[in-house]
Amino acid sequence: MSAETGLERQIRSGNQQVVRLLPEGRYREALELAQTVSQTSRTHLGEEHPDFATSLNNLADLYASMG
């Protein structure tokens, strides 16, 4: 197992921040961050990486919360 890179830590932190913003109702900020994290994780980690899957799940939760 390889050590986590700085980029992976940033992506994981971004995903966690999105989750914190949701219950606060800060949807616009959460959406912008979630989209950035998703694009970054897809580009740099690939579609098979668990952090990319987490970012997609966060986007789905956000869209569901926004109606």
PDB file of N, CA and C in Angstrom:
ATOM      1  N   MET A   1       0.844  -1.176   0.000  1.00  0.00           N
ATOM      2  CA  MET A   1       0.000   0.000   0.000  1.00  0.00           C
ATOM      3  C   MET A   1       0.891   1.242   0.000  1.00  0.00           C
ATOM      4  N   SER A   2       0.615   2.169  -0.866  1.00  0.00           N
ATOM      5  CA  SER A   2       1.448   3.362  -0.972  1.00  0.00           C
ATOM      6  C   SER A   2       0.988   4.425   0.022  1.00  0.00           C
ATOM      7  N   ALA A   3       1.900   5.301   0.368  1.00  0.00           N
ATOM      8  CA  ALA A   3       1.586   6.390   1.286  1.00  0.00           C
ATOM      9  C   ALA A   3       0.675   7.395   0.582  1.00  0.00           C
ATOM     10  N   GLU A   4      -0.173   8.007   1.346  1.00  0.00           N
ATOM     11  CA  GLU A   4      -1.085   9.008   0.809  1.00  0.00           C
ATOM     12  C   GLU A   4      -0.289  10.234   0.354  1.00  0.00           C
ATOM     13  N   THR A   5      -0.601  10.731  -0.823  1.00  0.00           N
ATOM     14  CA  THR A   5       0.075  11.916  -1.347  1.00  0.00           C
ATOM     15  C   THR A   5      -0.601  13.179  -0.820  1.00  0.00           C
ATOM     16  N   GLY A   6       0.067  14.300  -1.007  1.00  0.00           N
ATOM     17  CA  GLY A   6      -0.507  15.578  -0.613  1.00  0.00           C
ATOM     18  C   GLY A   6      -1.811  15.854  -1.340  1.00  0.00           C
ATOM     19  N   LEU A   7      -1.869  15.496  -2.615  1.00  0.00           N
ATOM     20  CA  LEU A   7      -3.091  15.708  -3.391  1.00  0.00           C
ATOM     21  C   LEU A   7      -4.228  14.852  -2.846  1.00  0.00           C
ATOM     22  N   GLU A   8      -3.932  13.615  -2.492  1.00  0.00           N
ATOM     23  CA  GLU A   8      -4.971  12.751  -1.922  1.00  0.00           C
ATOM     24  C   GLU A   8      -5.488  13.321  -0.601  1.00  0.00           C
ATOM     25  N   ARG A   9      -4.599  13.872   0.210  1.00  0.00           N
ATOM     26  CA  ARG A   9      -5.022  14.498   1.469  1.00  0.00           C
ATOM     27  C   ARG A   9      -5.924  15.696   1.192  1.00  0.00           C
ATOM     28  N   GLN A  10      -5.570  16.497   0.183  1.00  0.00           N
ATOM     29  CA  GLN A  10      -6.395  17.658  -0.175  1.00  0.00           C
ATOM     30  C   GLN A  10      -7.777  17.221  -0.658  1.00  0.00           C
ATOM     31  N   ILE A  11      -7.814  16.195  -1.463  1.00  0.00           N
ATOM     32  CA  ILE A  11      -9.094  15.694  -1.977  1.00  0.00           C
ATOM     33  C   ILE A  11      -9.936  15.155  -0.829  1.00  0.00           C
ATOM     34  N   ARG A  12      -9.330  14.377   0.041  1.00  0.00           N
ATOM     35  CA  ARG A  12     -10.062  13.829   1.193  1.00  0.00           C
ATOM     36  C   ARG A  12     -10.571  14.956   2.083  1.00  0.00           C
ATOM     37  N   SER A  13      -9.749  15.968   2.302  1.00  0.00           N
ATOM     38  CA  SER A  13     -10.150  17.118   3.110  1.00  0.00           C
ATOM     39  C   SER A  13     -11.311  17.869   2.445  1.00  0.00           C
ATOM     40  N   GLY A  14     -11.233  18.031   1.133  1.00  0.00           N
ATOM     41  CA  GLY A  14     -12.322  18.684   0.400  1.00  0.00           C
ATOM     42  C   GLY A  14     -13.624  17.914   0.523  1.00  0.00           C
ATOM     43  N   ASN A  15     -13.551  16.597   0.400  1.00  0.00           N
ATOM     44  CA  ASN A  15     -14.750  15.764   0.566  1.00  0.00           C
ATOM     45  C   ASN A  15     -15.335  15.926   1.962  1.00  0.00           C
ATOM     46  N   GLN A  16     -14.478  15.964   2.973  1.00  0.00           N
ATOM     47  CA  GLN A  16     -14.949  16.133   4.347  1.00  0.00           C
ATOM     48  C   GLN A  16     -15.580  17.508   4.560  1.00  0.00           C
ATOM     49  N   GLN A  17     -15.011  18.515   3.929  1.00  0.00           N
ATOM     50  CA  GLN A  17     -15.563  19.864   4.048  1.00  0.00           C
ATOM     51  C   GLN A  17     -16.958  19.938   3.419  1.00  0.00           C
ATOM     52  N   VAL A  18     -17.152  19.286   2.296  1.00  0.00           N
ATOM     53  CA  VAL A  18     -18.475  19.256   1.651  1.00  0.00           C
ATOM     54  C   VAL A  18     -19.501  18.666   2.625  1.00  0.00           C
ATOM     55  N   VAL A  19     -19.133  17.587   3.280  1.00  0.00           N
ATOM     56  CA  VAL A  19     -20.037  16.931   4.235  1.00  0.00           C
ATOM     57  C   VAL A  19     -20.362  17.871   5.401  1.00  0.00           C
ATOM     58  N   ARG A  20     -19.426  18.672   5.835  1.00  0.00           N
ATOM     59  CA  ARG A  20     -19.679  19.625   6.925  1.00  0.00           C
ATOM     60  C   ARG A  20     -20.572  20.775   6.477  1.00  0.00           C
ATOM     61  N   LEU A  21     -20.462  21.177   5.227  1.00  0.00           N
ATOM     62  CA  LEU A  21     -21.253  22.304   4.741  1.00  0.00           C
ATOM     63  C   LEU A  21     -22.729  21.952   4.540  1.00  0.00           C
ATOM     64  N   LEU A  22     -23.013  20.708   4.218  1.00  0.00           N
ATOM     65  CA  LEU A  22     -24.391  20.295   3.926  1.00  0.00           C
ATOM     66  C   LEU A  22     -25.369  20.594   5.060  1.00  0.00           C
ATOM     67  N   PRO A  23     -25.120  20.126   6.284  1.00  0.00           N
ATOM     68  CA  PRO A  23     -26.098  20.388   7.347  1.00  0.00           C
ATOM     69  C   PRO A  23     -26.213  21.866   7.724  1.00  0.00           C
ATOM     70  N   GLU A  24     -25.234  22.645   7.327  1.00  0.00           N
ATOM     71  CA  GLU A  24     -25.274  24.087   7.577  1.00  0.00           C
ATOM     72  C   GLU A  24     -26.112  24.806   6.518  1.00  0.00           C
ATOM     73  N   GLY A  25     -26.545  24.085   5.491  1.00  0.00           N
ATOM     74  CA  GLY A  25     -27.342  24.689   4.428  1.00  0.00           C
ATOM     75  C   GLY A  25     -26.532  25.561   3.488  1.00  0.00           C
ATOM     76  N   ARG A  26     -25.239  25.384   3.467  1.00  0.00           N
ATOM     77  CA  ARG A  26     -24.357  26.196   2.614  1.00  0.00           C
ATOM     78  C   ARG A  26     -24.172  25.479   1.269  1.00  0.00           C
ATOM     79  N   TYR A  27     -25.281  25.350   0.556  1.00  0.00           N
ATOM     80  CA  TYR A  27     -25.323  24.520  -0.643  1.00  0.00           C
ATOM     81  C   TYR A  27     -24.476  25.057  -1.794  1.00  0.00           C
ATOM     82  N   ARG A  28     -24.518  26.340  -2.019  1.00  0.00           N
ATOM     83  CA  ARG A  28     -23.746  26.904  -3.142  1.00  0.00           C
ATOM     84  C   ARG A  28     -22.246  26.666  -2.932  1.00  0.00           C
ATOM     85  N   GLU A  29     -21.775  26.953  -1.741  1.00  0.00           N
ATOM     86  CA  GLU A  29     -20.362  26.745  -1.416  1.00  0.00           C
ATOM     87  C   GLU A  29     -20.004  25.259  -1.496  1.00  0.00           C
ATOM     88  N   ALA A  30     -20.883  24.423  -0.961  1.00  0.00           N
ATOM     89  CA  ALA A  30     -20.655  22.976  -0.990  1.00  0.00           C
ATOM     90  C   ALA A  30     -20.632  22.455  -2.420  1.00  0.00           C
ATOM     91  N   LEU A  31     -21.534  22.961  -3.262  1.00  0.00           N
ATOM     92  CA  LEU A  31     -21.608  22.504  -4.647  1.00  0.00           C
ATOM     93  C   LEU A  31     -20.343  22.865  -5.413  1.00  0.00           C
ATOM     94  N   GLU A  32     -19.889  24.088  -5.262  1.00  0.00           N
ATOM     95  CA  GLU A  32     -18.661  24.503  -5.955  1.00  0.00           C
ATOM     96  C   GLU A  32     -17.484  23.634  -5.528  1.00  0.00           C
ATOM     97  N   LEU A  33     -17.356  23.404  -4.238  1.00  0.00           N
ATOM     98  CA  LEU A  33     -16.258  22.594  -3.723  1.00  0.00           C
ATOM     99  C   LEU A  33     -16.396  21.149  -4.183  1.00  0.00           C
ATOM    100  N   ALA A  34     -17.603  20.601  -4.115  1.00  0.00           N
ATOM    101  CA  ALA A  34     -17.822  19.207  -4.516  1.00  0.00           C
ATOM    102  C   ALA A  34     -17.493  18.997  -5.992  1.00  0.00           C
ATOM    103  N   GLN A  35     -17.859  19.950  -6.834  1.00  0.00           N
ATOM    104  CA  GLN A  35     -17.546  19.831  -8.261  1.00  0.00           C
ATOM    105  C   GLN A  35     -16.041  19.886  -8.492  1.00  0.00           C
ATOM    106  N   THR A  36     -15.365  20.779  -7.802  1.00  0.00           N
ATOM    107  CA  THR A  36     -13.908  20.885  -7.939  1.00  0.00           C
ATOM    108  C   THR A  36     -13.225  19.607  -7.468  1.00  0.00           C
ATOM    109  N   VAL A  37     -13.641  19.106  -6.306  1.00  0.00           N
ATOM    110  CA  VAL A  37     -13.047  17.884  -5.758  1.00  0.00           C
ATOM    111  C   VAL A  37     -13.293  16.714  -6.702  1.00  0.00           C
ATOM    112  N   SER A  38     -14.485  16.622  -7.240  1.00  0.00           N
ATOM    113  CA  SER A  38     -14.813  15.520  -8.155  1.00  0.00           C
ATOM    114  C   SER A  38     -13.952  15.574  -9.414  1.00  0.00           C
ATOM    115  N   GLN A  39     -13.831  16.746 -10.005  1.00  0.00           N
ATOM    116  CA  GLN A  39     -13.008  16.886 -11.209  1.00  0.00           C
ATOM    117  C   GLN A  39     -11.539  16.575 -10.919  1.00  0.00           C
ATOM    118  N   THR A  40     -11.041  17.084  -9.810  1.00  0.00           N
ATOM    119  CA  THR A  40      -9.640  16.865  -9.449  1.00  0.00           C
ATOM    120  C   THR A  40      -9.364  15.399  -9.180  1.00  0.00           C
ATOM    121  N   SER A  41     -10.241  14.759  -8.421  1.00  0.00           N
ATOM    122  CA  SER A  41     -10.012  13.352  -8.105  1.00  0.00           C
ATOM    123  C   SER A  41     -10.126  12.476  -9.350  1.00  0.00           C
ATOM    124  N   ARG A  42     -11.042  12.804 -10.224  1.00  0.00           N
ATOM    125  CA  ARG A  42     -11.178  12.028 -11.467  1.00  0.00           C
ATOM    126  C   ARG A  42      -9.925  12.169 -12.325  1.00  0.00           C
ATOM    127  N   THR A  43      -9.447  13.400 -12.461  1.00  0.00           N
ATOM    128  CA  THR A  43      -8.283  13.674 -13.305  1.00  0.00           C
ATOM    129  C   THR A  43      -7.005  13.060 -12.744  1.00  0.00           C
ATOM    130  N   HIS A  44      -6.791  13.215 -11.454  1.00  0.00           N
ATOM    131  CA  HIS A  44      -5.500  12.846 -10.865  1.00  0.00           C
ATOM    132  C   HIS A  44      -5.467  11.474 -10.199  1.00  0.00           C
ATOM    133  N   LEU A  45      -6.631  10.979  -9.779  1.00  0.00           N
ATOM    134  CA  LEU A  45      -6.649   9.673  -9.111  1.00  0.00           C
ATOM    135  C   LEU A  45      -7.309   8.590  -9.955  1.00  0.00           C
ATOM    136  N   GLY A  46      -8.197   8.993 -10.841  1.00  0.00           N
ATOM    137  CA  GLY A  46      -8.875   8.045 -11.717  1.00  0.00           C
ATOM    138  C   GLY A  46     -10.247   7.641 -11.198  1.00  0.00           C
ATOM    139  N   GLU A  47     -11.056   7.130 -12.103  1.00  0.00           N
ATOM    140  CA  GLU A  47     -12.435   6.777 -11.791  1.00  0.00           C
ATOM    141  C   GLU A  47     -12.566   5.573 -10.868  1.00  0.00           C
ATOM    142  N   GLU A  48     -11.520   4.789 -10.731  1.00  0.00           N
ATOM    143  CA  GLU A  48     -11.565   3.605  -9.866  1.00  0.00           C
ATOM    144  C   GLU A  48     -11.167   3.914  -8.423  1.00  0.00           C
ATOM    145  N   HIS A  49     -10.721   5.121  -8.156  1.00  0.00           N
ATOM    146  CA  HIS A  49     -10.245   5.468  -6.817  1.00  0.00           C
ATOM    147  C   HIS A  49     -11.425   5.733  -5.880  1.00  0.00           C
ATOM    148  N   PRO A  50     -11.346   5.254  -4.635  1.00  0.00           N
ATOM    149  CA  PRO A  50     -12.448   5.450  -3.691  1.00  0.00           C
ATOM    150  C   PRO A  50     -12.765   6.922  -3.401  1.00  0.00           C
ATOM    151  N   ASP A  51     -11.772   7.797  -3.458  1.00  0.00           N
ATOM    152  CA  ASP A  51     -12.046   9.213  -3.206  1.00  0.00           C
ATOM    153  C   ASP A  51     -12.864   9.834  -4.333  1.00  0.00           C
ATOM    154  N   PHE A  52     -12.725   9.328  -5.549  1.00  0.00           N
ATOM    155  CA  PHE A  52     -13.579   9.795  -6.641  1.00  0.00           C
ATOM    156  C   PHE A  52     -15.013   9.345  -6.387  1.00  0.00           C
ATOM    157  N   ALA A  53     -15.184   8.112  -5.954  1.00  0.00           N
ATOM    158  CA  ALA A  53     -16.527   7.609  -5.638  1.00  0.00           C
ATOM    159  C   ALA A  53     -17.161   8.431  -4.515  1.00  0.00           C
ATOM    160  N   THR A  54     -16.374   8.774  -3.523  1.00  0.00           N
ATOM    161  CA  THR A  54     -16.874   9.609  -2.423  1.00  0.00           C
ATOM    162  C   THR A  54     -17.327  10.960  -2.940  1.00  0.00           C
ATOM    163  N   SER A  55     -16.559  11.533  -3.852  1.00  0.00           N
ATOM    164  CA  SER A  55     -16.924  12.850  -4.395  1.00  0.00           C
ATOM    165  C   SER A  55     -18.233  12.781  -5.181  1.00  0.00           C
ATOM    166  N   LEU A  56     -18.448  11.696  -5.900  1.00  0.00           N
ATOM    167  CA  LEU A  56     -19.715  11.534  -6.624  1.00  0.00           C
ATOM    168  C   LEU A  56     -20.881  11.369  -5.654  1.00  0.00           C
ATOM    169  N   ASN A  57     -20.652  10.626  -4.593  1.00  0.00           N
ATOM    170  CA  ASN A  57     -21.685  10.447  -3.577  1.00  0.00           C
ATOM    171  C   ASN A  57     -22.033  11.784  -2.925  1.00  0.00           C
ATOM    172  N   ASN A  58     -21.014  12.587  -2.656  1.00  0.00           N
ATOM    173  CA  ASN A  58     -21.262  13.909  -2.080  1.00  0.00           C
ATOM    174  C   ASN A  58     -22.081  14.778  -3.022  1.00  0.00           C
ATOM    175  N   LEU A  59     -21.773  14.727  -4.303  1.00  0.00           N
ATOM    176  CA  LEU A  59     -22.564  15.485  -5.276  1.00  0.00           C
ATOM    177  C   LEU A  59     -24.011  15.012  -5.295  1.00  0.00           C
ATOM    178  N   ALA A  60     -24.209  13.704  -5.266  1.00  0.00           N
ATOM    179  CA  ALA A  60     -25.575  13.162  -5.265  1.00  0.00           C
ATOM    180  C   ALA A  60     -26.336  13.617  -4.013  1.00  0.00           C
ATOM    181  N   ASP A  61     -25.679  13.556  -2.859  1.00  0.00           N
ATOM    182  CA  ASP A  61     -26.328  14.014  -1.621  1.00  0.00           C
ATOM    183  C   ASP A  61     -26.686  15.490  -1.702  1.00  0.00           C
ATOM    184  N   LEU A  62     -25.781  16.261  -2.273  1.00  0.00           N
ATOM    185  CA  LEU A  62     -26.018  17.700  -2.411  1.00  0.00           C
ATOM    186  C   LEU A  62     -27.221  17.973  -3.302  1.00  0.00           C
ATOM    187  N   TYR A  63     -27.263  17.343  -4.470  1.00  0.00           N
ATOM    188  CA  TYR A  63     -28.371  17.556  -5.392  1.00  0.00           C
ATOM    189  C   TYR A  63     -29.688  17.110  -4.761  1.00  0.00           C
ATOM    190  N   ALA A  64     -29.661  16.013  -4.004  1.00  0.00           N
ATOM    191  CA  ALA A  64     -30.872  15.535  -3.333  1.00  0.00           C
ATOM    192  C   ALA A  64     -31.320  16.550  -2.277  1.00  0.00           C
ATOM    193  N   SER A  65     -30.386  17.110  -1.548  1.00  0.00           N
ATOM    194  CA  SER A  65     -30.718  18.107  -0.508  1.00  0.00           C
ATOM    195  C   SER A  65     -31.265  19.389  -1.111  1.00  0.00           C
ATOM    196  N   MET A  66     -30.781  19.730  -2.301  1.00  0.00           N
ATOM    197  CA  MET A  66     -31.203  20.966  -2.956  1.00  0.00           C
ATOM    198  C   MET A  66     -32.560  20.813  -3.647  1.00  0.00           C
ATOM    199  N   GLY A  67     -32.965  19.568  -3.830  1.00  0.00           N
ATOM    200  CA  GLY A  67     -34.261  19.311  -4.449  1.00  0.00           C
ATOM    201  C   GLY A  67     -34.243  19.283  -5.891  1.00  0.00           C
TER     202      GLY A  67
END
